[in-house]
Protein backbone atom coordinates (compact mmCIF):
# COMPACT_ATOMS: atom_id res chain seq x y z
CA UNK A 1 -66.51 60.69 -87.05
CA UNK A 2 -69.11 61.11 -84.51
CA UNK A 3 -72.71 59.48 -84.44
CA UNK A 4 -74.54 62.91 -85.36
CA UNK A 5 -74.66 63.29 -88.98
CA UNK A 6 -73.60 66.46 -90.57
CA UNK A 7 -76.64 68.98 -91.51
CA UNK A 8 -75.66 70.77 -94.23
CA UNK A 9 -78.58 73.03 -93.89
CA UNK A 10 -78.26 73.72 -90.05
CA UNK A 11 -74.88 74.42 -90.32
CA UNK A 12 -75.65 77.23 -92.98
CA UNK A 13 -78.52 78.57 -90.93
CA UNK A 14 -76.03 78.85 -87.59
CA UNK A 15 -73.37 80.32 -89.93
CA UNK A 16 -75.64 82.71 -91.35
CA UNK A 17 -77.01 83.95 -87.77
CA UNK A 18 -73.33 84.08 -86.26
CA UNK A 19 -72.21 86.34 -89.69
CA UNK A 20 -75.14 88.72 -89.83
CA UNK A 21 -75.85 89.48 -86.02
CA UNK A 22 -74.89 93.10 -85.61
CA UNK A 23 -75.02 95.56 -82.53
CA UNK A 24 -78.16 97.58 -83.28
CA UNK A 25 -78.18 101.11 -81.92
CA UNK A 26 -81.42 102.24 -83.37
CA UNK A 27 -84.90 100.42 -82.40
CA UNK A 28 -88.18 100.73 -83.51
CA UNK A 29 -90.69 101.91 -80.84
CA UNK A 30 -92.86 98.44 -81.03
CA UNK A 31 -92.06 96.04 -78.31
CA UNK A 32 -90.86 92.54 -78.64
CA UNK A 33 -93.35 90.07 -77.87
CA UNK A 34 -92.48 88.27 -74.29
CA UNK A 35 -92.68 84.86 -75.83
CA UNK A 36 -89.41 85.80 -78.05
CA UNK A 37 -87.60 87.01 -75.02
CA UNK A 38 -88.41 84.17 -73.01
CA UNK A 39 -87.32 81.59 -75.62
CA UNK A 40 -84.29 83.54 -76.12
CA UNK A 41 -83.49 83.46 -72.15
CA UNK A 42 -84.34 79.67 -72.30
CA UNK A 43 -81.44 79.20 -75.22
CA UNK A 44 -79.09 81.49 -73.17
CA UNK A 45 -79.27 79.14 -70.43
CA UNK A 46 -77.50 76.25 -72.88
CA UNK A 47 -74.39 78.14 -72.65
CA UNK A 48 -71.43 75.92 -71.55
CA UNK A 49 -70.58 76.24 -67.74
CA UNK A 50 -67.99 74.67 -65.65
CA UNK A 51 -69.59 71.99 -63.37
CA UNK A 52 -73.24 73.18 -64.65
CA UNK A 53 -72.87 76.00 -62.16
CA UNK A 54 -75.59 77.78 -64.02
CA UNK A 55 -74.43 81.27 -62.51
CA UNK A 56 -76.48 83.71 -64.76
CA UNK A 57 -79.26 85.83 -63.37
CA UNK A 58 -81.77 87.83 -65.82
CA UNK A 59 -83.30 90.80 -64.73
CA UNK A 60 -85.98 92.09 -67.10
CA UNK A 61 -86.69 95.66 -66.29
CA UNK A 62 -90.01 97.13 -66.35
CA UNK A 63 -90.80 100.86 -66.89
CA UNK A 64 -90.08 102.13 -63.16
CA UNK A 65 -86.56 100.67 -63.29
CA UNK A 66 -85.97 101.72 -67.02
CA UNK A 67 -86.81 105.22 -65.83
CA UNK A 68 -84.72 105.12 -62.69
CA UNK A 69 -81.55 103.60 -64.60
CA UNK A 70 -82.07 106.21 -67.54
CA UNK A 71 -82.41 109.16 -65.00
CA UNK A 72 -79.25 107.61 -62.92
CA UNK A 73 -77.23 107.41 -66.28
CA UNK A 74 -78.31 111.13 -67.32
CA UNK A 75 -77.35 112.40 -63.65
CA UNK A 76 -73.64 110.59 -64.44
CA UNK A 77 -73.37 112.45 -67.81
CA UNK A 78 -74.24 115.81 -66.40
CA UNK A 79 -71.87 115.42 -63.53
CA UNK A 80 -69.03 114.24 -65.89
CA UNK A 81 -70.14 116.59 -69.11
CA UNK A 82 -73.03 118.82 -68.92
CA UNK A 83 -76.86 119.10 -68.70
CA UNK A 84 -77.56 119.10 -72.47
CA UNK A 85 -75.55 115.78 -72.85
CA UNK A 86 -77.53 114.60 -70.07
CA UNK A 87 -80.85 115.52 -71.72
CA UNK A 88 -79.93 114.07 -74.93
CA UNK A 89 -78.67 110.74 -73.40
CA UNK A 90 -82.03 110.47 -71.34
CA UNK A 91 -84.14 110.78 -74.37
CA UNK A 92 -82.12 108.24 -76.20
CA UNK A 93 -82.35 105.67 -73.05
CA UNK A 94 -86.01 106.50 -72.58
CA UNK A 95 -86.55 105.27 -76.21
CA UNK A 96 -85.22 102.12 -75.76
CA UNK A 97 -87.81 99.34 -76.09
CA UNK A 98 -86.70 96.40 -74.23
CA UNK A 99 -84.06 96.24 -71.26
CA UNK A 100 -82.44 93.06 -69.71
CA UNK A 101 -79.49 92.92 -67.11
CA UNK A 102 -77.50 89.86 -66.96
CA UNK A 103 -75.49 89.39 -63.77
CA UNK A 104 -73.07 86.63 -62.75
CA UNK A 105 -73.03 84.79 -59.20
CA UNK A 106 -70.01 85.99 -57.09
CA UNK A 107 -67.65 83.47 -55.63
CA UNK A 108 -65.13 83.16 -53.06
CA UNK A 109 -62.98 81.22 -55.34
CA UNK A 110 -61.46 83.37 -57.99
CA UNK A 111 -60.95 80.67 -60.63
CA UNK A 112 -64.70 79.64 -60.43
CA UNK A 113 -65.82 83.61 -60.42
CA UNK A 114 -63.79 83.87 -63.81
CA UNK A 115 -65.22 80.69 -64.99
CA UNK A 116 -68.74 81.62 -64.13
CA UNK A 117 -68.28 85.29 -65.67
CA UNK A 118 -67.23 83.79 -68.96
CA UNK A 119 -69.89 81.34 -69.04
CA UNK A 120 -72.34 84.31 -68.83
CA UNK A 121 -70.88 86.00 -71.42
CA UNK A 122 -71.54 82.79 -73.53
CA UNK A 123 -75.15 82.87 -72.14
CA UNK A 124 -75.29 86.62 -73.59
CA UNK A 125 -74.05 85.49 -77.09
CA UNK A 126 -76.70 82.72 -76.97
CA UNK A 127 -79.45 85.30 -76.25
CA UNK A 128 -78.45 87.86 -78.90
CA UNK A 129 -78.00 85.06 -81.53
CA UNK A 130 -81.50 83.75 -80.51
CA UNK A 131 -82.83 87.17 -80.57
CA UNK A 132 -81.43 87.94 -83.97
CA UNK A 133 -82.67 84.81 -85.49
CA UNK A 134 -85.99 86.12 -84.96
CA UNK A 135 -85.45 89.63 -86.37
CA UNK A 136 -84.80 91.50 -83.14
CA UNK A 137 -81.58 93.16 -82.34
CA UNK A 138 -79.56 93.63 -79.20
CA UNK A 139 -76.93 96.08 -77.95
CA UNK A 140 -74.86 95.17 -74.87
CA UNK A 141 -73.36 97.83 -72.83
CA UNK A 142 -71.09 97.81 -69.85
CA UNK A 143 -70.98 101.72 -69.61
CA UNK A 144 -70.38 103.24 -65.84
CA UNK A 145 -73.90 103.20 -65.16
CA UNK A 146 -73.79 99.52 -64.42
CA UNK A 147 -71.04 99.90 -61.93
CA UNK A 148 -72.70 102.87 -60.11
CA UNK A 149 -73.66 101.47 -56.69
CA UNK A 150 -77.22 102.65 -57.00
CA UNK A 151 -77.81 100.33 -60.24
CA UNK A 152 -77.89 97.20 -58.08
CA UNK A 153 -80.50 98.67 -55.67
CA UNK A 154 -82.67 99.83 -58.74
CA UNK A 155 -82.44 96.50 -60.51
CA UNK A 156 -82.95 94.60 -57.29
CA UNK A 157 -79.87 92.29 -56.64
CA UNK A 158 -77.26 92.14 -54.21
CA UNK A 159 -73.80 93.48 -55.69
CA UNK A 160 -71.91 91.39 -53.27
CA UNK A 161 -73.30 88.21 -54.40
CA UNK A 162 -73.44 88.94 -58.28
CA UNK A 163 -71.61 91.31 -60.60
CA UNK A 164 -73.01 92.80 -63.59
CA UNK A 165 -72.30 91.03 -67.32
CA UNK A 166 -74.02 93.62 -68.89
CA UNK A 167 -77.23 95.52 -69.51
CA UNK A 168 -78.82 94.87 -73.02
CA UNK A 169 -81.12 96.81 -75.19
CA UNK A 170 -83.57 94.87 -77.28
CA UNK A 171 -85.94 95.74 -80.02
CA UNK A 172 -86.85 95.40 -83.87
CA UNK A 173 -84.09 97.27 -85.42
CA UNK A 174 -84.60 100.54 -87.32
CA UNK A 175 -81.19 100.10 -88.99
CA UNK A 176 -78.68 97.56 -89.28
CA UNK A 177 -75.04 98.43 -90.57
CA UNK A 178 -72.71 96.35 -92.72
CA UNK A 179 -69.53 95.05 -91.06
CA UNK A 180 -66.60 93.28 -92.15
CA UNK A 181 -63.70 91.06 -90.04
CA UNK A 182 -60.16 90.93 -90.85
CA UNK A 183 -58.78 87.91 -92.43
CA UNK A 184 -58.73 84.87 -90.30
CA UNK A 185 -55.08 84.24 -90.82
CA UNK A 186 -54.11 87.34 -88.73
CA UNK A 187 -55.66 85.67 -85.35
CA UNK A 188 -54.54 82.16 -85.80
CA UNK A 189 -51.13 80.67 -84.71
CA UNK A 190 -50.55 77.10 -85.55
CA UNK A 191 -48.38 75.56 -82.79
CA UNK A 192 -46.24 72.35 -83.50
């Protein structure tokens, strides 16, 4: 047994946050206090990362960047679908209260780049769980807009040096859906 004593209350609190966190699709318009976001970002940085590379970069988007990304996305939707769909998407994106982009440092070493990307996914989960514990919901998207060449210019990173892990919206949830998970037995293989 380790030197760290089992804390049933802490275990229950962590388990509750893990089970109850949901992707939020509809947010209230009130902004989230910056100190909550900063605290969640600090906890995100405690994600495991091989050789402590700390490959994550966080970009908190202000009004101009948000608008530019929303317009870029609407242009992409219009080109693929139609103007009406683009207008609907633009209104929806403009209503998102908080925006964060997470990138991972690129590497010439493919294994390191893969490990760093995985570490950034862990950081994303830490960020979302930390916000959820404070009552703040998130939505992680990896839609086409983040792969558009103009996206990196809008956000302000070098896409040759960093790759997008995701665009995250965050805010106070307007609605929260219920979810279920399939039984654990469907996913566990015991190997002798």
